[in-house]
């Protein structure tokens, strides 16, 4: 399986692949569920190897560790999935 940070970088840097609608689903411990956000709300900082920032509907930025990403959809189709830990 492709590591999630490599897939996210491909979305940013591969213009042909990244020219699509992406949704990232990550596990939110506060809500105890998978939260889905559009890729436009994701901020990947250069040099950050463990997490990324998501801006919520409330305008508040939250850090999400890469290991909490559960799925990535491209144009409505799941292209990457990580099962929840047992």
PDB file of N, CA and C in Angstrom:
ATOM      1  N   UNK A   1       0.845  -1.172   0.000  1.00  0.00           N
ATOM      2  CA  UNK A   1       0.000   0.000   0.000  1.00  0.00           C
ATOM      3  C   UNK A   1       0.895   1.242   0.000  1.00  0.00           C
ATOM      4  N   UNK A   2       0.500   2.224  -0.752  1.00  0.00           N
ATOM      5  CA  UNK A   2       1.220   3.495  -0.803  1.00  0.00           C
ATOM      6  C   UNK A   2       1.075   4.213   0.539  1.00  0.00           C
ATOM      7  N   UNK A   3       2.165   4.710   1.123  1.00  0.00           N
ATOM      8  CA  UNK A   3       2.052   5.486   2.361  1.00  0.00           C
ATOM      9  C   UNK A   3       1.201   6.741   2.118  1.00  0.00           C
ATOM     10  N   UNK A   4       0.407   7.118   3.106  1.00  0.00           N
ATOM     11  CA  UNK A   4      -0.530   8.225   2.938  1.00  0.00           C
ATOM     12  C   UNK A   4       0.173   9.533   2.595  1.00  0.00           C
ATOM     13  N   UNK A   5       1.338   9.799   3.179  1.00  0.00           N
ATOM     14  CA  UNK A   5       2.012  11.063   2.869  1.00  0.00           C
ATOM     15  C   UNK A   5       2.441  11.104   1.399  1.00  0.00           C
ATOM     16  N   UNK A   6       2.775   9.957   0.813  1.00  0.00           N
ATOM     17  CA  UNK A   6       3.141   9.923  -0.601  1.00  0.00           C
ATOM     18  C   UNK A   6       1.919  10.174  -1.485  1.00  0.00           C
ATOM     19  N   UNK A   7       0.773   9.607  -1.107  1.00  0.00           N
ATOM     20  CA  UNK A   7      -0.440   9.847  -1.884  1.00  0.00           C
ATOM     21  C   UNK A   7      -0.843  11.311  -1.822  1.00  0.00           C
ATOM     22  N   UNK A   8      -0.792  11.921  -0.648  1.00  0.00           N
ATOM     23  CA  UNK A   8      -1.154  13.329  -0.515  1.00  0.00           C
ATOM     24  C   UNK A   8      -0.215  14.215  -1.319  1.00  0.00           C
ATOM     25  N   UNK A   9       1.082  13.896  -1.310  1.00  0.00           N
ATOM     26  CA  UNK A   9       2.025  14.664  -2.123  1.00  0.00           C
ATOM     27  C   UNK A   9       1.751  14.487  -3.617  1.00  0.00           C
ATOM     28  N   UNK A  10       1.338  13.296  -4.019  1.00  0.00           N
ATOM     29  CA  UNK A  10       1.008  13.068  -5.431  1.00  0.00           C
ATOM     30  C   UNK A  10      -0.188  13.926  -5.845  1.00  0.00           C
ATOM     31  N   UNK A  11      -1.173  14.046  -4.959  1.00  0.00           N
ATOM     32  CA  UNK A  11      -2.328  14.894  -5.254  1.00  0.00           C
ATOM     33  C   UNK A  11      -1.878  16.331  -5.515  1.00  0.00           C
ATOM     34  N   UNK A  12      -0.931  16.798  -4.720  1.00  0.00           N
ATOM     35  CA  UNK A  12      -0.444  18.177  -4.855  1.00  0.00           C
ATOM     36  C   UNK A  12       0.425  18.357  -6.089  1.00  0.00           C
ATOM     37  N   UNK A  13       1.350  17.442  -6.337  1.00  0.00           N
ATOM     38  CA  UNK A  13       2.380  17.665  -7.342  1.00  0.00           C
ATOM     39  C   UNK A  13       2.125  17.032  -8.705  1.00  0.00           C
ATOM     40  N   UNK A  14       1.290  16.007  -8.802  1.00  0.00           N
ATOM     41  CA  UNK A  14       0.992  15.374 -10.085  1.00  0.00           C
ATOM     42  C   UNK A  14      -0.259  16.055 -10.646  1.00  0.00           C
ATOM     43  N   UNK A  15      -0.060  16.994 -11.560  1.00  0.00           N
ATOM     44  CA  UNK A  15      -1.157  17.822 -12.038  1.00  0.00           C
ATOM     45  C   UNK A  15      -2.276  17.018 -12.694  1.00  0.00           C
ATOM     46  N   UNK A  16      -1.930  16.001 -13.440  1.00  0.00           N
ATOM     47  CA  UNK A  16      -2.963  15.189 -14.093  1.00  0.00           C
ATOM     48  C   UNK A  16      -3.773  14.399 -13.063  1.00  0.00           C
ATOM     49  N   UNK A  17      -3.092  13.737 -12.142  1.00  0.00           N
ATOM     50  CA  UNK A  17      -3.769  12.958 -11.106  1.00  0.00           C
ATOM     51  C   UNK A  17      -4.538  13.874 -10.152  1.00  0.00           C
ATOM     52  N   UNK A  18      -3.933  14.993  -9.784  1.00  0.00           N
ATOM     53  CA  UNK A  18      -4.525  15.897  -8.805  1.00  0.00           C
ATOM     54  C   UNK A  18      -5.668  16.733  -9.335  1.00  0.00           C
ATOM     55  N   UNK A  19      -5.914  16.679 -10.643  1.00  0.00           N
ATOM     56  CA  UNK A  19      -7.004  17.440 -11.244  1.00  0.00           C
ATOM     57  C   UNK A  19      -8.308  16.658 -11.084  1.00  0.00           C
ATOM     58  N   UNK A  20      -8.764  16.531  -9.841  1.00  0.00           N
ATOM     59  CA  UNK A  20      -9.963  15.764  -9.510  1.00  0.00           C
ATOM     60  C   UNK A  20     -10.492  16.273  -8.168  1.00  0.00           C
ATOM     61  N   UNK A  21     -11.633  15.746  -7.764  1.00  0.00           N
ATOM     62  CA  UNK A  21     -12.220  16.105  -6.472  1.00  0.00           C
ATOM     63  C   UNK A  21     -11.816  15.037  -5.452  1.00  0.00           C
ATOM     64  N   UNK A  22     -11.065  15.441  -4.437  1.00  0.00           N
ATOM     65  CA  UNK A  22     -10.593  14.513  -3.409  1.00  0.00           C
ATOM     66  C   UNK A  22     -11.267  14.802  -2.074  1.00  0.00           C
ATOM     67  N   UNK A  23     -11.560  13.721  -1.355  1.00  0.00           N
ATOM     68  CA  UNK A  23     -12.100  13.811   0.003  1.00  0.00           C
ATOM     69  C   UNK A  23     -11.231  12.927   0.889  1.00  0.00           C
ATOM     70  N   UNK A  24     -10.801  13.492   2.009  1.00  0.00           N
ATOM     71  CA  UNK A  24      -9.962  12.784   2.974  1.00  0.00           C
ATOM     72  C   UNK A  24     -10.839  12.434   4.176  1.00  0.00           C
ATOM     73  N   UNK A  25     -10.815  11.168   4.585  1.00  0.00           N
ATOM     74  CA  UNK A  25     -11.533  10.740   5.777  1.00  0.00           C
ATOM     75  C   UNK A  25     -10.534  10.403   6.863  1.00  0.00           C
ATOM     76  N   UNK A  26     -10.641  11.079   7.995  1.00  0.00           N
ATOM     77  CA  UNK A  26      -9.721  10.814   9.104  1.00  0.00           C
ATOM     78  C   UNK A  26     -10.514  10.552  10.382  1.00  0.00           C
ATOM     79  N   UNK A  27      -9.918   9.751  11.268  1.00  0.00           N
ATOM     80  CA  UNK A  27     -10.562   9.434  12.532  1.00  0.00           C
ATOM     81  C   UNK A  27     -10.385  10.597  13.495  1.00  0.00           C
ATOM     82  N   UNK A  28     -11.508  11.115  13.996  1.00  0.00           N
ATOM     83  CA  UNK A  28     -11.495  12.195  14.973  1.00  0.00           C
ATOM     84  C   UNK A  28     -11.801  11.592  16.339  1.00  0.00           C
ATOM     85  N   UNK A  29     -10.847  11.696  17.254  1.00  0.00           N
ATOM     86  CA  UNK A  29     -11.004  11.091  18.578  1.00  0.00           C
ATOM     87  C   UNK A  29     -12.072  11.786  19.412  1.00  0.00           C
ATOM     88  N   UNK A  30     -12.282  13.079  19.214  1.00  0.00           N
ATOM     89  CA  UNK A  30     -13.298  13.799  19.986  1.00  0.00           C
ATOM     90  C   UNK A  30     -14.696  13.315  19.604  1.00  0.00           C
ATOM     91  N   UNK A  31     -14.947  13.213  18.294  1.00  0.00           N
ATOM     92  CA  UNK A  31     -16.262  12.775  17.812  1.00  0.00           C
ATOM     93  C   UNK A  31     -16.376  11.254  17.735  1.00  0.00           C
ATOM     94  N   UNK A  32     -15.256  10.548  17.882  1.00  0.00           N
ATOM     95  CA  UNK A  32     -15.198   9.089  17.825  1.00  0.00           C
ATOM     96  C   UNK A  32     -15.818   8.547  16.532  1.00  0.00           C
ATOM     97  N   UNK A  33     -15.425   9.176  15.427  1.00  0.00           N
ATOM     98  CA  UNK A  33     -15.914   8.749  14.112  1.00  0.00           C
ATOM     99  C   UNK A  33     -14.976   9.267  13.029  1.00  0.00           C
ATOM    100  N   UNK A  34     -15.176   8.780  11.824  1.00  0.00           N
ATOM    101  CA  UNK A  34     -14.406   9.268  10.680  1.00  0.00           C
ATOM    102  C   UNK A  34     -15.055  10.551  10.167  1.00  0.00           C
ATOM    103  N   UNK A  35     -14.252  11.592  10.051  1.00  0.00           N
ATOM    104  CA  UNK A  35     -14.696  12.888   9.537  1.00  0.00           C
ATOM    105  C   UNK A  35     -14.148  13.028   8.122  1.00  0.00           C
ATOM    106  N   UNK A  36     -14.986  13.426   7.194  1.00  0.00           N
ATOM    107  CA  UNK A  36     -14.569  13.595   5.799  1.00  0.00           C
ATOM    108  C   UNK A  36     -14.515  15.062   5.454  1.00  0.00           C
ATOM    109  N   UNK A  37     -13.394  15.470   4.841  1.00  0.00           N
ATOM    110  CA  UNK A  37     -13.206  16.860   4.424  1.00  0.00           C
ATOM    111  C   UNK A  37     -12.679  16.878   2.994  1.00  0.00           C
ATOM    112  N   UNK A  38     -13.000  17.932   2.265  1.00  0.00           N
ATOM    113  CA  UNK A  38     -12.463  18.068   0.918  1.00  0.00           C
ATOM    114  C   UNK A  38     -10.984  18.431   1.003  1.00  0.00           C
ATOM    115  N   UNK A  39     -10.257  18.066  -0.020  1.00  0.00           N
ATOM    116  CA  UNK A  39      -8.813  18.301  -0.016  1.00  0.00           C
ATOM    117  C   UNK A  39      -8.471  19.785   0.042  1.00  0.00           C
ATOM    118  N   UNK A  40      -9.369  20.633  -0.419  1.00  0.00           N
ATOM    119  CA  UNK A  40      -9.132  22.086  -0.365  1.00  0.00           C
ATOM    120  C   UNK A  40      -8.967  22.579   1.068  1.00  0.00           C
ATOM    121  N   UNK A  41      -9.482  21.827   2.039  1.00  0.00           N
ATOM    122  CA  UNK A  41      -9.390  22.228   3.444  1.00  0.00           C
ATOM    123  C   UNK A  41      -8.148  21.678   4.135  1.00  0.00           C
ATOM    124  N   UNK A  42      -7.341  20.939   3.388  1.00  0.00           N
ATOM    125  CA  UNK A  42      -6.124  20.326   3.925  1.00  0.00           C
ATOM    126  C   UNK A  42      -4.930  21.218   3.598  1.00  0.00           C
ATOM    127  N   UNK A  43      -4.082  21.439   4.587  1.00  0.00           N
ATOM    128  CA  UNK A  43      -2.864  22.219   4.396  1.00  0.00           C
ATOM    129  C   UNK A  43      -1.667  21.330   4.731  1.00  0.00           C
ATOM    130  N   UNK A  44      -0.886  20.999   3.707  1.00  0.00           N
ATOM    131  CA  UNK A  44       0.320  20.190   3.908  1.00  0.00           C
ATOM    132  C   UNK A  44       1.512  21.129   4.036  1.00  0.00           C
ATOM    133  N   UNK A  45       2.116  21.151   5.204  1.00  0.00           N
ATOM    134  CA  UNK A  45       3.292  22.001   5.419  1.00  0.00           C
ATOM    135  C   UNK A  45       4.540  21.301   4.929  1.00  0.00           C
ATOM    136  N   UNK A  46       5.358  22.026   4.207  1.00  0.00           N
ATOM    137  CA  UNK A  46       6.639  21.482   3.759  1.00  0.00           C
ATOM    138  C   UNK A  46       7.475  21.122   4.976  1.00  0.00           C
ATOM    139  N   UNK A  47       8.048  19.920   4.968  1.00  0.00           N
ATOM    140  CA  UNK A  47       8.902  19.473   6.059  1.00  0.00           C
ATOM    141  C   UNK A  47       8.145  18.804   7.200  1.00  0.00           C
ATOM    142  N   UNK A  48       6.817  18.844   7.162  1.00  0.00           N
ATOM    143  CA  UNK A  48       6.019  18.196   8.206  1.00  0.00           C
ATOM    144  C   UNK A  48       5.792  16.741   7.794  1.00  0.00           C
ATOM    145  N   UNK A  49       6.369  15.812   8.535  1.00  0.00           N
ATOM    146  CA  UNK A  49       6.355  14.409   8.141  1.00  0.00           C
ATOM    147  C   UNK A  49       5.378  13.551   8.939  1.00  0.00           C
ATOM    148  N   UNK A  50       4.675  14.143   9.898  1.00  0.00           N
ATOM    149  CA  UNK A  50       3.828  13.335  10.770  1.00  0.00           C
ATOM    150  C   UNK A  50       2.364  13.752  10.774  1.00  0.00           C
ATOM    151  N   UNK A  51       2.056  14.945  10.287  1.00  0.00           N
ATOM    152  CA  UNK A  51       0.678  15.422  10.354  1.00  0.00           C
ATOM    153  C   UNK A  51       0.415  16.492   9.296  1.00  0.00           C
ATOM    154  N   UNK A  52      -0.850  16.855   9.177  1.00  0.00           N
ATOM    155  CA  UNK A  52      -1.256  17.956   8.311  1.00  0.00           C
ATOM    156  C   UNK A  52      -2.335  18.744   9.039  1.00  0.00           C
ATOM    157  N   UNK A  53      -2.649  19.909   8.524  1.00  0.00           N
ATOM    158  CA  UNK A  53      -3.630  20.785   9.140  1.00  0.00           C
ATOM    159  C   UNK A  53      -4.929  20.729   8.340  1.00  0.00           C
ATOM    160  N   UNK A  54      -6.059  20.690   9.061  1.00  0.00           N
ATOM    161  CA  UNK A  54      -7.383  20.731   8.444  1.00  0.00           C
ATOM    162  C   UNK A  54      -8.127  21.910   9.042  1.00  0.00           C
ATOM    163  N   UNK A  55      -8.759  22.703   8.191  1.00  0.00           N
ATOM    164  CA  UNK A  55      -9.578  23.809   8.662  1.00  0.00           C
ATOM    165  C   UNK A  55     -11.027  23.332   8.671  1.00  0.00           C
ATOM    166  N   UNK A  56     -11.629  23.337   9.850  1.00  0.00           N
ATOM    167  CA  UNK A  56     -12.997  22.851  10.009  1.00  0.00           C
ATOM    168  C   UNK A  56     -14.034  23.857   9.556  1.00  0.00           C
ATOM    169  N   UNK A  57     -15.301  23.453   9.567  1.00  0.00           N
ATOM    170  CA  UNK A  57     -16.406  24.340   9.203  1.00  0.00           C
ATOM    171  C   UNK A  57     -16.461  25.576  10.093  1.00  0.00           C
ATOM    172  N   UNK A  58     -15.961  25.440  11.312  1.00  0.00           N
ATOM    173  CA  UNK A  58     -15.959  26.553  12.260  1.00  0.00           C
ATOM    174  C   UNK A  58     -14.782  27.502  12.050  1.00  0.00           C
ATOM    175  N   UNK A  59     -13.936  27.202  11.060  1.00  0.00           N
ATOM    176  CA  UNK A  59     -12.783  28.056  10.776  1.00  0.00           C
ATOM    177  C   UNK A  59     -11.568  27.761  11.633  1.00  0.00           C
ATOM    178  N   UNK A  60     -11.673  26.791  12.526  1.00  0.00           N
ATOM    179  CA  UNK A  60     -10.571  26.434  13.418  1.00  0.00           C
ATOM    180  C   UNK A  60      -9.684  25.399  12.734  1.00  0.00           C
ATOM    181  N   UNK A  61      -8.379  25.634  12.790  1.00  0.00           N
ATOM    182  CA  UNK A  61      -7.412  24.698  12.208  1.00  0.00           C
ATOM    183  C   UNK A  61      -7.059  23.632  13.234  1.00  0.00           C
ATOM    184  N   UNK A  62      -7.007  22.379  12.773  1.00  0.00           N
ATOM    185  CA  UNK A  62      -6.656  21.258  13.644  1.00  0.00           C
ATOM    186  C   UNK A  62      -5.549  20.448  12.983  1.00  0.00           C
ATOM    187  N   UNK A  63      -4.638  19.933  13.795  1.00  0.00           N
ATOM    188  CA  UNK A  63      -3.586  19.067  13.284  1.00  0.00           C
ATOM    189  C   UNK A  63      -4.096  17.625  13.289  1.00  0.00           C
ATOM    190  N   UNK A  64      -3.882  16.938  12.171  1.00  0.00           N
ATOM    191  CA  UNK A  64      -4.312  15.541  12.044  1.00  0.00           C
ATOM    192  C   UNK A  64      -3.081  14.697  11.749  1.00  0.00           C
ATOM    193  N   UNK A  65      -2.726  13.760  12.617  1.00  0.00           N
ATOM    194  CA  UNK A  65      -1.595  12.875  12.334  1.00  0.00           C
ATOM    195  C   UNK A  65      -1.916  11.981  11.128  1.00  0.00           C
ATOM    196  N   UNK A  66      -0.912  11.720  10.316  1.00  0.00           N
ATOM    197  CA  UNK A  66      -1.110  10.874   9.138  1.00  0.00           C
ATOM    198  C   UNK A  66      -1.699   9.512   9.498  1.00  0.00           C
ATOM    199  N   UNK A  67      -1.336   8.968  10.662  1.00  0.00           N
ATOM    200  CA  UNK A  67      -1.821   7.631  11.010  1.00  0.00           C
ATOM    201  C   UNK A  67      -3.324   7.604  11.280  1.00  0.00           C
ATOM    202  N   UNK A  68      -3.975   8.760  11.413  1.00  0.00           N
ATOM    203  CA  UNK A  68      -5.418   8.774  11.628  1.00  0.00           C
ATOM    204  C   UNK A  68      -6.216   8.854  10.327  1.00  0.00           C
ATOM    205  N   UNK A  69      -5.534   9.007   9.192  1.00  0.00           N
ATOM    206  CA  UNK A  69      -6.258   9.008   7.909  1.00  0.00           C
ATOM    207  C   UNK A  69      -6.748   7.591   7.653  1.00  0.00           C
ATOM    208  N   UNK A  70      -8.030   7.462   7.356  1.00  0.00           N
ATOM    209  CA  UNK A  70      -8.637   6.148   7.132  1.00  0.00           C
ATOM    210  C   UNK A  70      -8.955   5.893   5.669  1.00  0.00           C
ATOM    211  N   UNK A  71      -9.230   6.974   4.893  1.00  0.00           N
ATOM    212  CA  UNK A  71      -9.582   6.764   3.494  1.00  0.00           C
ATOM    213  C   UNK A  71      -9.375   8.027   2.682  1.00  0.00           C
ATOM    214  N   UNK A  72      -9.187   7.818   1.380  1.00  0.00           N
ATOM    215  CA  UNK A  72      -9.093   8.912   0.431  1.00  0.00           C
ATOM    216  C   UNK A  72      -9.976   8.537  -0.763  1.00  0.00           C
ATOM    217  N   UNK A  73     -10.830   9.474  -1.159  1.00  0.00           N
ATOM    218  CA  UNK A  73     -11.696   9.253  -2.317  1.00  0.00           C
ATOM    219  C   UNK A  73     -11.313  10.245  -3.413  1.00  0.00           C
ATOM    220  N   UNK A  74     -11.335   9.751  -4.642  1.00  0.00           N
ATOM    221  CA  UNK A  74     -11.073  10.582  -5.822  1.00  0.00           C
ATOM    222  C   UNK A  74     -12.307  10.502  -6.700  1.00  0.00           C
ATOM    223  N   UNK A  75     -12.941  11.655  -6.923  1.00  0.00           N
ATOM    224  CA  UNK A  75     -14.177  11.718  -7.709  1.00  0.00           C
ATOM    225  C   UNK A  75     -15.215  10.710  -7.216  1.00  0.00           C
ATOM    226  N   UNK A  76     -15.340  10.598  -5.896  1.00  0.00           N
ATOM    227  CA  UNK A  76     -16.354   9.755  -5.287  1.00  0.00           C
ATOM    228  C   UNK A  76     -15.998   8.284  -5.134  1.00  0.00           C
ATOM    229  N   UNK A  77     -14.838   7.875  -5.611  1.00  0.00           N
ATOM    230  CA  UNK A  77     -14.420   6.476  -5.521  1.00  0.00           C
ATOM    231  C   UNK A  77     -13.257   6.347  -4.538  1.00  0.00           C
ATOM    232  N   UNK A  78     -13.370   5.413  -3.593  1.00  0.00           N
ATOM    233  CA  UNK A  78     -12.294   5.190  -2.621  1.00  0.00           C
ATOM    234  C   UNK A  78     -11.072   4.643  -3.366  1.00  0.00           C
ATOM    235  N   UNK A  79      -9.951   5.353  -3.238  1.00  0.00           N
ATOM    236  CA  UNK A  79      -8.717   4.902  -3.891  1.00  0.00           C
ATOM    237  C   UNK A  79      -7.673   4.453  -2.881  1.00  0.00           C
ATOM    238  N   UNK A  80      -7.906   4.739  -1.601  1.00  0.00           N
ATOM    239  CA  UNK A  80      -6.946   4.366  -0.549  1.00  0.00           C
ATOM    240  C   UNK A  80      -7.742   4.157   0.726  1.00  0.00           C
ATOM    241  N   UNK A  81      -7.452   3.080   1.445  1.00  0.00           N
ATOM    242  CA  UNK A  81      -8.167   2.816   2.709  1.00  0.00           C
ATOM    243  C   UNK A  81      -7.237   2.118   3.685  1.00  0.00           C
ATOM    244  N   UNK A  82      -7.324   2.554   4.921  1.00  0.00           N
ATOM    245  CA  UNK A  82      -6.620   1.925   6.042  1.00  0.00           C
ATOM    246  C   UNK A  82      -7.680   1.473   7.038  1.00  0.00           C
ATOM    247  N   UNK A  83      -7.609   0.224   7.402  1.00  0.00           N
ATOM    248  CA  UNK A  83      -8.572  -0.288   8.375  1.00  0.00           C
ATOM    249  C   UNK A  83      -8.271   0.290   9.752  1.00  0.00           C
ATOM    250  N   UNK A  84      -9.317   0.423  10.551  1.00  0.00           N
ATOM    251  CA  UNK A  84      -9.161   0.924  11.915  1.00  0.00           C
ATOM    252  C   UNK A  84      -8.363  -0.091  12.733  1.00  0.00           C
ATOM    253  N   UNK A  85      -7.548   0.383  13.664  1.00  0.00           N
ATOM    254  CA  UNK A  85      -6.802  -0.551  14.508  1.00  0.00           C
ATOM    255  C   UNK A  85      -7.757  -1.407  15.335  1.00  0.00           C
ATOM    256  N   UNK A  86      -7.329  -2.610  15.607  1.00  0.00           N
ATOM    257  CA  UNK A  86      -8.176  -3.548  16.378  1.00  0.00           C
ATOM    258  C   UNK A  86      -8.189  -3.209  17.839  1.00  0.00           C
TER     259      UNK A  86
END
